[in-house]
PDB file of N, CA and C in Angstrom:
ATOM      1  N   MET A   1       5.594  13.852  25.734  1.00  0.00           N
ATOM      2  CA  MET A   1       4.354  13.536  25.135  1.00  0.00           C
ATOM      3  C   MET A   1       4.311  12.066  24.963  1.00  0.00           C
ATOM      4  N   ALA A   2       3.235  11.350  25.393  1.00  0.00           N
ATOM      5  CA  ALA A   2       3.165   9.972  25.244  1.00  0.00           C
ATOM      6  C   ALA A   2       2.845   9.567  23.799  1.00  0.00           C
ATOM      7  N   PRO A   3       3.290   8.437  23.291  1.00  0.00           N
ATOM      8  CA  PRO A   3       2.970   8.026  21.913  1.00  0.00           C
ATOM      9  C   PRO A   3       1.468   7.713  21.794  1.00  0.00           C
ATOM     10  N   LYS A   4       0.973   8.196  20.574  1.00  0.00           N
ATOM     11  CA  LYS A   4      -0.437   7.989  20.208  1.00  0.00           C
ATOM     12  C   LYS A   4      -0.738   6.483  20.087  1.00  0.00           C
ATOM     13  N   LYS A   5      -1.760   6.001  20.899  1.00  0.00           N
ATOM     14  CA  LYS A   5      -2.190   4.594  20.851  1.00  0.00           C
ATOM     15  C   LYS A   5      -2.952   4.361  19.523  1.00  0.00           C
ATOM     16  N   PRO A   6      -2.719   3.263  18.839  1.00  0.00           N
ATOM     17  CA  PRO A   6      -3.593   2.875  17.751  1.00  0.00           C
ATOM     18  C   PRO A   6      -5.011   2.645  18.091  1.00  0.00           C
ATOM     19  N   LYS A   7      -5.950   2.974  17.218  1.00  0.00           N
ATOM     20  CA  LYS A   7      -7.392   2.779  17.511  1.00  0.00           C
ATOM     21  C   LYS A   7      -7.681   1.258  17.360  1.00  0.00           C
ATOM     22  N   ALA A   8      -7.032   0.733  16.368  1.00  0.00           N
ATOM     23  CA  ALA A   8      -7.217  -0.812  16.238  1.00  0.00           C
ATOM     24  C   ALA A   8      -5.981  -1.357  15.573  1.00  0.00           C
ATOM     25  N   ALA A   9      -5.692  -2.606  15.808  1.00  0.00           N
ATOM     26  CA  ALA A   9      -4.550  -3.329  15.086  1.00  0.00           C
ATOM     27  C   ALA A   9      -5.030  -4.525  14.434  1.00  0.00           C
ATOM     28  N   GLY A  10      -6.327  -4.675  14.169  1.00  0.00           N
ATOM     29  CA  GLY A  10      -6.737  -5.883  13.462  1.00  0.00           C
ATOM     30  C   GLY A  10      -8.325  -5.921  13.510  1.00  0.00           C
ATOM     31  N   GLY A  11      -8.840  -7.007  13.181  1.00  0.00           N
ATOM     32  CA  GLY A  11     -10.272  -7.155  13.115  1.00  0.00           C
ATOM     33  C   GLY A  11     -11.063  -6.490  12.009  1.00  0.00           C
ATOM     34  N   TRP A  12     -12.242  -6.067  12.332  1.00  0.00           N
ATOM     35  CA  TRP A  12     -13.084  -5.459  11.272  1.00  0.00           C
ATOM     36  C   TRP A  12     -12.494  -4.055  10.868  1.00  0.00           C
ATOM     37  N   THR A  13     -11.860  -3.365  11.710  1.00  0.00           N
ATOM     38  CA  THR A  13     -11.314  -2.049  11.314  1.00  0.00           C
ATOM     39  C   THR A  13     -10.294  -2.335  10.193  1.00  0.00           C
ATOM     40  N   SER A  14      -9.410  -3.288  10.400  1.00  0.00           N
ATOM     41  CA  SER A  14      -8.435  -3.529   9.387  1.00  0.00           C
ATOM     42  C   SER A  14      -9.012  -4.033   8.188  1.00  0.00           C
ATOM     43  N   ILE A  15     -10.091  -4.824   8.216  1.00  0.00           N
ATOM     44  CA  ILE A  15     -10.748  -5.297   7.015  1.00  0.00           C
ATOM     45  C   ILE A  15     -11.411  -4.126   6.165  1.00  0.00           C
ATOM     46  N   ARG A  16     -12.030  -3.267   6.948  1.00  0.00           N
ATOM     47  CA  ARG A  16     -12.635  -2.026   6.314  1.00  0.00           C
ATOM     48  C   ARG A  16     -11.594  -1.229   5.691  1.00  0.00           C
ATOM     49  N   TYR A  17     -10.446  -1.032   6.352  1.00  0.00           N
ATOM     50  CA  TYR A  17      -9.363  -0.213   5.804  1.00  0.00           C
ATOM     51  C   TYR A  17      -8.921  -0.909   4.500  1.00  0.00           C
ATOM     52  N   SER A  18      -8.665  -2.188   4.459  1.00  0.00           N
ATOM     53  CA  SER A  18      -8.190  -2.816   3.255  1.00  0.00           C
ATOM     54  C   SER A  18      -9.169  -2.690   2.200  1.00  0.00           C
ATOM     55  N   TYR A  19     -10.514  -2.847   2.486  1.00  0.00           N
ATOM     56  CA  TYR A  19     -11.599  -2.681   1.422  1.00  0.00           C
ATOM     57  C   TYR A  19     -11.548  -1.308   0.852  1.00  0.00           C
ATOM     58  N   ASN A  20     -11.491  -0.300   1.697  1.00  0.00           N
ATOM     59  CA  ASN A  20     -11.435   1.041   1.216  1.00  0.00           C
ATOM     60  C   ASN A  20     -10.191   1.327   0.333  1.00  0.00           C
ATOM     61  N   LYS A  21      -9.060   0.738   0.634  1.00  0.00           N
ATOM     62  CA  LYS A  21      -7.913   0.845  -0.193  1.00  0.00           C
ATOM     63  C   LYS A  21      -8.068   0.122  -1.590  1.00  0.00           C
ATOM     64  N   ALA A  22      -8.741  -1.004  -1.430  1.00  0.00           N
ATOM     65  CA  ALA A  22      -9.015  -1.744  -2.747  1.00  0.00           C
ATOM     66  C   ALA A  22      -9.895  -0.932  -3.695  1.00  0.00           C
ATOM     67  N   LYS A  23     -10.861  -0.263  -3.073  1.00  0.00           N
ATOM     68  CA  LYS A  23     -11.760   0.591  -3.861  1.00  0.00           C
ATOM     69  C   LYS A  23     -11.024   1.677  -4.643  1.00  0.00           C
ATOM     70  N   GLU A  24      -9.874   2.156  -4.060  1.00  0.00           N
ATOM     71  CA  GLU A  24      -9.145   3.230  -4.641  1.00  0.00           C
ATOM     72  C   GLU A  24      -8.464   2.738  -5.982  1.00  0.00           C
ATOM     73  N   VAL A  25      -8.282   1.421  -6.109  1.00  0.00           N
ATOM     74  CA  VAL A  25      -7.568   0.936  -7.390  1.00  0.00           C
ATOM     75  C   VAL A  25      -8.338   0.037  -8.122  1.00  0.00           C
ATOM     76  N   GLY A  26      -9.754   0.097  -7.993  1.00  0.00           N
ATOM     77  CA  GLY A  26     -10.610  -0.695  -8.997  1.00  0.00           C
ATOM     78  C   GLY A  26     -11.225  -1.852  -8.354  1.00  0.00           C
ATOM     79  N   GLY A  27     -11.110  -2.220  -7.094  1.00  0.00           N
ATOM     80  CA  GLY A  27     -11.725  -3.246  -6.475  1.00  0.00           C
ATOM     81  C   GLY A  27     -10.941  -4.312  -5.764  1.00  0.00           C
ATOM     82  N   ILE A  28     -11.564  -5.205  -5.004  1.00  0.00           N
ATOM     83  CA  ILE A  28     -10.921  -6.257  -4.345  1.00  0.00           C
ATOM     84  C   ILE A  28     -10.200  -7.236  -5.187  1.00  0.00           C
ATOM     85  N   LYS A  29     -10.778  -7.514  -6.269  1.00  0.00           N
ATOM     86  CA  LYS A  29     -10.116  -8.538  -7.149  1.00  0.00           C
ATOM     87  C   LYS A  29      -8.752  -8.035  -7.742  1.00  0.00           C
ATOM     88  N   GLU A  30      -8.745  -6.780  -8.057  1.00  0.00           N
ATOM     89  CA  GLU A  30      -7.508  -6.186  -8.680  1.00  0.00           C
ATOM     90  C   GLU A  30      -6.405  -6.106  -7.572  1.00  0.00           C
ATOM     91  N   LEU A  31      -6.777  -5.630  -6.336  1.00  0.00           N
ATOM     92  CA  LEU A  31      -5.739  -5.611  -5.310  1.00  0.00           C
ATOM     93  C   LEU A  31      -5.372  -6.983  -4.860  1.00  0.00           C
ATOM     94  N   TYR A  32      -6.280  -7.839  -4.742  1.00  0.00           N
ATOM     95  CA  TYR A  32      -5.886  -9.331  -4.435  1.00  0.00           C
ATOM     96  C   TYR A  32      -4.942  -9.926  -5.400  1.00  0.00           C
ATOM     97  N   ASN A  33      -5.199  -9.797  -6.739  1.00  0.00           N
ATOM     98  CA  ASN A  33      -4.356 -10.374  -7.724  1.00  0.00           C
ATOM     99  C   ASN A  33      -2.976  -9.674  -7.640  1.00  0.00           C
ATOM    100  N   ALA A  34      -2.889  -8.377  -7.428  1.00  0.00           N
ATOM    101  CA  ALA A  34      -1.599  -7.761  -7.279  1.00  0.00           C
ATOM    102  C   ALA A  34      -0.798  -8.303  -6.036  1.00  0.00           C
ATOM    103  N   LEU A  35      -1.560  -8.504  -4.902  1.00  0.00           N
ATOM    104  CA  LEU A  35      -0.865  -8.827  -3.739  1.00  0.00           C
ATOM    105  C   LEU A  35      -0.372 -10.319  -3.724  1.00  0.00           C
ATOM    106  N   LYS A  36      -1.100 -11.175  -4.567  1.00  0.00           N
ATOM    107  CA  LYS A  36      -0.799 -12.589  -4.523  1.00  0.00           C
ATOM    108  C   LYS A  36       0.361 -12.929  -5.551  1.00  0.00           C
ATOM    109  N   ARG A  37       0.873 -11.999  -6.342  1.00  0.00           N
ATOM    110  CA  ARG A  37       1.928 -12.130  -7.316  1.00  0.00           C
ATOM    111  C   ARG A  37       3.184 -12.535  -6.488  1.00  0.00           C
ATOM    112  N   SER A  38       4.104 -13.371  -7.158  1.00  0.00           N
ATOM    113  CA  SER A  38       5.304 -13.604  -6.619  1.00  0.00           C
ATOM    114  C   SER A  38       6.257 -12.369  -6.670  1.00  0.00           C
ATOM    115  N   ASN A  39       6.384 -11.835  -5.508  1.00  0.00           N
ATOM    116  CA  ASN A  39       7.324 -10.660  -5.418  1.00  0.00           C
ATOM    117  C   ASN A  39       7.634 -10.449  -3.958  1.00  0.00           C
ATOM    118  N   THR A  40       8.585  -9.500  -3.657  1.00  0.00           N
ATOM    119  CA  THR A  40       8.835  -9.218  -2.225  1.00  0.00           C
ATOM    120  C   THR A  40       8.064  -8.013  -1.809  1.00  0.00           C
ATOM    121  N   CYS A  41       7.902  -7.841  -0.590  1.00  0.00           N
ATOM    122  CA  CYS A  41       7.125  -6.616   0.024  1.00  0.00           C
ATOM    123  C   CYS A  41       7.942  -5.374  -0.411  1.00  0.00           C
ATOM    124  N   LYS A  42       7.201  -4.429  -0.884  1.00  0.00           N
ATOM    125  CA  LYS A  42       7.840  -3.220  -1.288  1.00  0.00           C
ATOM    126  C   LYS A  42       8.387  -2.313  -0.030  1.00  0.00           C
ATOM    127  N   VAL A  43       7.876  -2.646   1.085  1.00  0.00           N
ATOM    128  CA  VAL A  43       8.210  -1.952   2.298  1.00  0.00           C
ATOM    129  C   VAL A  43       9.418  -2.602   3.052  1.00  0.00           C
ATOM    130  N   CYS A  44       9.289  -3.912   3.347  1.00  0.00           N
ATOM    131  CA  CYS A  44      10.351  -4.506   4.275  1.00  0.00           C
ATOM    132  C   CYS A  44      11.195  -5.499   3.550  1.00  0.00           C
ATOM    133  N   ALA A  45      10.912  -5.808   2.152  1.00  0.00           N
ATOM    134  CA  ALA A  45      11.650  -6.799   1.426  1.00  0.00           C
ATOM    135  C   ALA A  45      11.460  -8.231   1.962  1.00  0.00           C
ATOM    136  N   LEU A  46      10.490  -8.409   2.829  1.00  0.00           N
ATOM    137  CA  LEU A  46      10.132  -9.854   3.281  1.00  0.00           C
ATOM    138  C   LEU A  46       8.621  -9.905   3.069  1.00  0.00           C
ATOM    139  N   GLY A  47       8.035 -10.909   3.668  1.00  0.00           N
ATOM    140  CA  GLY A  47       6.687 -10.999   3.897  1.00  0.00           C
ATOM    141  C   GLY A  47       5.716 -11.219   2.809  1.00  0.00           C
ATOM    142  N   MET A  48       6.177 -11.199   1.508  1.00  0.00           N
ATOM    143  CA  MET A  48       5.208 -11.450   0.392  1.00  0.00           C
ATOM    144  C   MET A  48       5.472 -12.818  -0.198  1.00  0.00           C
ATOM    145  N   GLY A  49       6.305 -13.550   0.381  1.00  0.00           N
ATOM    146  CA  GLY A  49       6.485 -14.969  -0.168  1.00  0.00           C
ATOM    147  C   GLY A  49       7.526 -15.195  -1.205  1.00  0.00           C
ATOM    148  N   GLY A  50       7.929 -14.177  -1.854  1.00  0.00           N
ATOM    149  CA  GLY A  50       8.993 -14.258  -2.819  1.00  0.00           C
ATOM    150  C   GLY A  50       8.673 -15.226  -3.929  1.00  0.00           C
ATOM    151  N   LYS A  51       9.510 -16.207  -4.248  1.00  0.00           N
ATOM    152  CA  LYS A  51       9.182 -17.079  -5.388  1.00  0.00           C
ATOM    153  C   LYS A  51       8.026 -17.967  -5.126  1.00  0.00           C
ATOM    154  N   THR A  52       7.638 -18.191  -3.902  1.00  0.00           N
ATOM    155  CA  THR A  52       6.611 -19.137  -3.556  1.00  0.00           C
ATOM    156  C   THR A  52       5.218 -18.567  -3.677  1.00  0.00           C
ATOM    157  N   GLY A  53       5.131 -17.259  -4.019  1.00  0.00           N
ATOM    158  CA  GLY A  53       3.830 -16.593  -4.154  1.00  0.00           C
ATOM    159  C   GLY A  53       3.658 -15.520  -3.117  1.00  0.00           C
ATOM    160  N   GLY A  54       2.774 -14.662  -3.393  1.00  0.00           N
ATOM    161  CA  GLY A  54       2.485 -13.575  -2.512  1.00  0.00           C
ATOM    162  C   GLY A  54       1.555 -13.917  -1.295  1.00  0.00           C
ATOM    163  N   MET A  55       1.379 -12.946  -0.497  1.00  0.00           N
ATOM    164  CA  MET A  55       0.566 -13.058   0.676  1.00  0.00           C
ATOM    165  C   MET A  55       0.947 -14.130   1.660  1.00  0.00           C
ATOM    166  N   ARG A  56       2.241 -14.223   1.784  1.00  0.00           N
ATOM    167  CA  ARG A  56       2.746 -15.269   2.815  1.00  0.00           C
ATOM    168  C   ARG A  56       3.671 -14.561   3.790  1.00  0.00           C
ATOM    169  N   ASN A  57       3.705 -14.939   5.007  1.00  0.00           N
ATOM    170  CA  ASN A  57       4.681 -14.269   5.992  1.00  0.00           C
ATOM    171  C   ASN A  57       5.955 -15.009   5.920  1.00  0.00           C
ATOM    172  N   GLU A  58       6.902 -14.680   6.750  1.00  0.00           N
ATOM    173  CA  GLU A  58       8.188 -15.252   6.736  1.00  0.00           C
ATOM    174  C   GLU A  58       8.298 -16.794   7.142  1.00  0.00           C
ATOM    175  N   MET A  59       7.237 -17.239   7.801  1.00  0.00           N
ATOM    176  CA  MET A  59       7.084 -18.682   8.092  1.00  0.00           C
ATOM    177  C   MET A  59       6.418 -19.457   6.980  1.00  0.00           C
ATOM    178  N   GLY A  60       5.821 -18.815   5.935  1.00  0.00           N
ATOM    179  CA  GLY A  60       5.223 -19.468   4.949  1.00  0.00           C
ATOM    180  C   GLY A  60       3.688 -19.621   4.984  1.00  0.00           C
ATOM    181  N   ASP A  61       3.202 -18.953   6.062  1.00  0.00           N
ATOM    182  CA  ASP A  61       1.704 -19.095   6.321  1.00  0.00           C
ATOM    183  C   ASP A  61       0.936 -18.222   5.251  1.00  0.00           C
ATOM    184  N   THR A  62      -0.057 -18.725   4.694  1.00  0.00           N
ATOM    185  CA  THR A  62      -0.741 -17.997   3.638  1.00  0.00           C
ATOM    186  C   THR A  62      -1.820 -16.925   4.157  1.00  0.00           C
ATOM    187  N   LEU A  63      -2.231 -16.114   3.263  1.00  0.00           N
ATOM    188  CA  LEU A  63      -3.144 -15.027   3.550  1.00  0.00           C
ATOM    189  C   LEU A  63      -2.527 -14.052   4.679  1.00  0.00           C
ATOM    190  N   GLN A  64      -1.373 -13.784   4.591  1.00  0.00           N
ATOM    191  CA  GLN A  64      -0.727 -12.775   5.513  1.00  0.00           C
ATOM    192  C   GLN A  64      -0.191 -11.659   4.688  1.00  0.00           C
ATOM    193  N   VAL A  65      -0.730 -10.456   5.097  1.00  0.00           N
ATOM    194  CA  VAL A  65      -0.312  -9.285   4.513  1.00  0.00           C
ATOM    195  C   VAL A  65      -0.465  -8.127   5.444  1.00  0.00           C
ATOM    196  N   CYS A  66       0.524  -7.122   5.422  1.00  0.00           N
ATOM    197  CA  CYS A  66       0.440  -6.040   6.333  1.00  0.00           C
ATOM    198  C   CYS A  66      -0.168  -4.732   5.625  1.00  0.00           C
ATOM    199  N   LYS A  67      -0.490  -3.848   6.436  1.00  0.00           N
ATOM    200  CA  LYS A  67      -1.169  -2.621   5.943  1.00  0.00           C
ATOM    201  C   LYS A  67      -0.145  -1.825   5.101  1.00  0.00           C
ATOM    202  N   LYS A  68       1.089  -1.833   5.462  1.00  0.00           N
ATOM    203  CA  LYS A  68       2.167  -1.062   4.737  1.00  0.00           C
ATOM    204  C   LYS A  68       2.304  -1.639   3.384  1.00  0.00           C
ATOM    205  N   SER A  69       2.241  -2.990   3.280  1.00  0.00           N
ATOM    206  CA  SER A  69       2.374  -3.651   1.996  1.00  0.00           C
ATOM    207  C   SER A  69       1.048  -3.236   1.074  1.00  0.00           C
ATOM    208  N   ILE A  70      -0.149  -3.219   1.647  1.00  0.00           N
ATOM    209  CA  ILE A  70      -1.257  -2.857   0.931  1.00  0.00           C
ATOM    210  C   ILE A  70      -1.156  -1.400   0.519  1.00  0.00           C
ATOM    211  N   GLN A  71      -0.593  -0.538   1.413  1.00  0.00           N
ATOM    212  CA  GLN A  71      -0.539   0.851   1.030  1.00  0.00           C
ATOM    213  C   GLN A  71       0.435   1.089  -0.161  1.00  0.00           C
ATOM    214  N   SER A  72       1.657   0.388  -0.071  1.00  0.00           N
ATOM    215  CA  SER A  72       2.566   0.533  -1.163  1.00  0.00           C
ATOM    216  C   SER A  72       2.029  -0.076  -2.516  1.00  0.00           C
ATOM    217  N   GLN A  73       1.306  -1.228  -2.485  1.00  0.00           N
ATOM    218  CA  GLN A  73       0.768  -1.764  -3.646  1.00  0.00           C
ATOM    219  C   GLN A  73      -0.247  -0.908  -4.184  1.00  0.00           C
ATOM    220  N   VAL A  74      -1.088  -0.269  -3.393  1.00  0.00           N
ATOM    221  CA  VAL A  74      -2.198   0.679  -3.952  1.00  0.00           C
ATOM    222  C   VAL A  74      -1.477   1.840  -4.537  1.00  0.00           C
ATOM    223  N   GLN A  75      -0.456   2.309  -3.957  1.00  0.00           N
ATOM    224  CA  GLN A  75       0.359   3.438  -4.516  1.00  0.00           C
ATOM    225  C   GLN A  75       0.834   3.133  -5.852  1.00  0.00           C
ATOM    226  N   ASP A  76       1.431   1.845  -6.039  1.00  0.00           N
ATOM    227  CA  ASP A  76       1.915   1.465  -7.371  1.00  0.00           C
ATOM    228  C   ASP A  76       0.893   1.307  -8.391  1.00  0.00           C
ATOM    229  N   MET A  77      -0.385   0.957  -7.915  1.00  0.00           N
ATOM    230  CA  MET A  77      -1.389   0.698  -8.874  1.00  0.00           C
ATOM    231  C   MET A  77      -2.194   2.041  -9.257  1.00  0.00           C
ATOM    232  N   SER A  78      -1.929   3.129  -8.534  1.00  0.00           N
ATOM    233  CA  SER A  78      -2.515   4.340  -8.820  1.00  0.00           C
ATOM    234  C   SER A  78      -1.969   5.049  -9.949  1.00  0.00           C
ATOM    235  N   PRO A  79      -2.757   5.873 -10.682  1.00  0.00           N
ATOM    236  CA  PRO A  79      -2.314   6.477 -11.910  1.00  0.00           C
ATOM    237  C   PRO A  79      -1.162   7.442 -11.472  1.00  0.00           C
ATOM    238  N   GLY A  80      -0.291   7.672 -12.500  1.00  0.00           N
ATOM    239  CA  GLY A  80       0.890   8.523 -12.309  1.00  0.00           C
ATOM    240  C   GLY A  80       0.545  10.142 -12.332  1.00  0.00           C
ATOM    241  N   ILE A  81       1.584  10.902 -12.198  1.00  0.00           N
ATOM    242  CA  ILE A  81       1.380  12.293 -12.271  1.00  0.00           C
ATOM    243  C   ILE A  81       1.084  12.630 -13.704  1.00  0.00           C
ATOM    244  N   GLY A  82       0.165  13.501 -13.925  1.00  0.00           N
ATOM    245  CA  GLY A  82      -0.235  13.964 -15.254  1.00  0.00           C
ATOM    246  C   GLY A  82       0.779  14.681 -16.028  1.00  0.00           C
ATOM    247  N   ASP A  83       0.775  14.543 -17.342  1.00  0.00           N
ATOM    248  CA  ASP A  83       1.825  15.272 -18.223  1.00  0.00           C
ATOM    249  C   ASP A  83       1.942  16.753 -17.962  1.00  0.00           C
ATOM    250  N   ASN A  84       0.799  17.393 -17.632  1.00  0.00           N
ATOM    251  CA  ASN A  84       0.852  18.883 -17.441  1.00  0.00           C
ATOM    252  C   ASN A  84       0.960  19.274 -16.040  1.00  0.00           C
ATOM    253  N   PHE A  85       1.376  18.423 -15.104  1.00  0.00           N
ATOM    254  CA  PHE A  85       1.522  18.814 -13.701  1.00  0.00           C
ATOM    255  C   PHE A  85       2.573  19.818 -13.543  1.00  0.00           C
ATOM    256  N   PHE A  86       3.760  19.670 -14.134  1.00  0.00           N
ATOM    257  CA  PHE A  86       4.842  20.623 -13.954  1.00  0.00           C
ATOM    258  C   PHE A  86       4.655  21.857 -14.868  1.00  0.00           C
ATOM    259  N   GLU A  87       3.782  21.847 -15.852  1.00  0.00           N
ATOM    260  CA  GLU A  87       3.366  23.074 -16.584  1.00  0.00           C
ATOM    261  C   GLU A  87       2.527  23.964 -15.650  1.00  0.00           C
ATOM    262  N   GLN A  88       1.742  23.343 -14.805  1.00  0.00           N
ATOM    263  CA  GLN A  88       0.836  24.101 -13.914  1.00  0.00           C
ATOM    264  C   GLN A  88       1.450  24.419 -12.607  1.00  0.00           C
ATOM    265  N   ASN A  89       2.463  23.683 -12.173  1.00  0.00           N
ATOM    266  CA  ASN A  89       3.154  23.966 -10.893  1.00  0.00           C
ATOM    267  C   ASN A  89       4.693  24.160 -11.141  1.00  0.00           C
ATOM    268  N   SER A  90       5.160  25.341 -10.664  1.00  0.00           N
ATOM    269  CA  SER A  90       6.644  25.542 -10.735  1.00  0.00           C
ATOM    270  C   SER A  90       7.359  24.837  -9.724  1.00  0.00           C
ATOM    271  N   LEU A  91       8.609  24.562  -9.893  1.00  0.00           N
ATOM    272  CA  LEU A  91       9.441  23.927  -8.859  1.00  0.00           C
ATOM    273  C   LEU A  91       9.557  24.812  -7.644  1.00  0.00           C
ATOM    274  N   ARG A  92       9.604  26.047  -7.827  1.00  0.00           N
ATOM    275  CA  ARG A  92       9.674  27.027  -6.709  1.00  0.00           C
ATOM    276  C   ARG A  92       8.341  26.866  -5.836  1.00  0.00           C
ATOM    277  N   ASP A  93       7.236  26.757  -6.550  1.00  0.00           N
ATOM    278  CA  ASP A  93       5.948  26.640  -5.741  1.00  0.00           C
ATOM    279  C   ASP A  93       5.960  25.241  -5.004  1.00  0.00           C
ATOM    280  N   LEU A  94       6.407  24.214  -5.615  1.00  0.00           N
ATOM    281  CA  LEU A  94       6.357  22.857  -4.937  1.00  0.00           C
ATOM    282  C   LEU A  94       7.356  22.885  -3.792  1.00  0.00           C
ATOM    283  N   ALA A  95       8.451  23.558  -3.862  1.00  0.00           N
ATOM    284  CA  ALA A  95       9.515  23.633  -2.813  1.00  0.00           C
ATOM    285  C   ALA A  95       8.879  24.253  -1.624  1.00  0.00           C
ATOM    286  N   LYS A  96       7.904  25.133  -1.721  1.00  0.00           N
ATOM    287  CA  LYS A  96       7.230  25.766  -0.567  1.00  0.00           C
ATOM    288  C   LYS A  96       6.259  24.770   0.200  1.00  0.00           C
ATOM    289  N   LEU A  97       5.807  23.741  -0.401  1.00  0.00           N
ATOM    290  CA  LEU A  97       4.895  22.882   0.243  1.00  0.00           C
ATOM    291  C   LEU A  97       5.670  22.022   1.313  1.00  0.00           C
ATOM    292  N   THR A  98       4.870  21.630   2.275  1.00  0.00           N
ATOM    293  CA  THR A  98       5.394  20.739   3.364  1.00  0.00           C
ATOM    294  C   THR A  98       5.288  19.348   2.934  1.00  0.00           C
ATOM    295  N   GLY A  99       5.945  18.453   3.663  1.00  0.00           N
ATOM    296  CA  GLY A  99       5.787  17.043   3.293  1.00  0.00           C
ATOM    297  C   GLY A  99       4.466  16.428   3.451  1.00  0.00           C
ATOM    298  N   ARG A 100       3.588  17.161   4.116  1.00  0.00           N
ATOM    299  CA  ARG A 100       2.256  16.732   4.336  1.00  0.00           C
ATOM    300  C   ARG A 100       1.346  17.103   3.136  1.00  0.00           C
TER     301      ARG A 100
END
């Protein structure tokens, strides 16, 4: 079976995707502020600029960020599991679920 080709690798589709992810965590400003902080990428440990500030690639170019980095930052900014989650779901039931 041939690998599935991506529908888009950049352009307006990527911008729309990033905008939709930003809406999940409160808006563009919140996501932008989180991405520009001085830290490493949560996915590859590169690409976020390190001590020089976020949103830089390995060459130091600014305004560079990958989708995986956006996804992991959005996940970190999302609310945690509720206190009553394990009261409502047993470990046996959770073990039956697939990774999906």
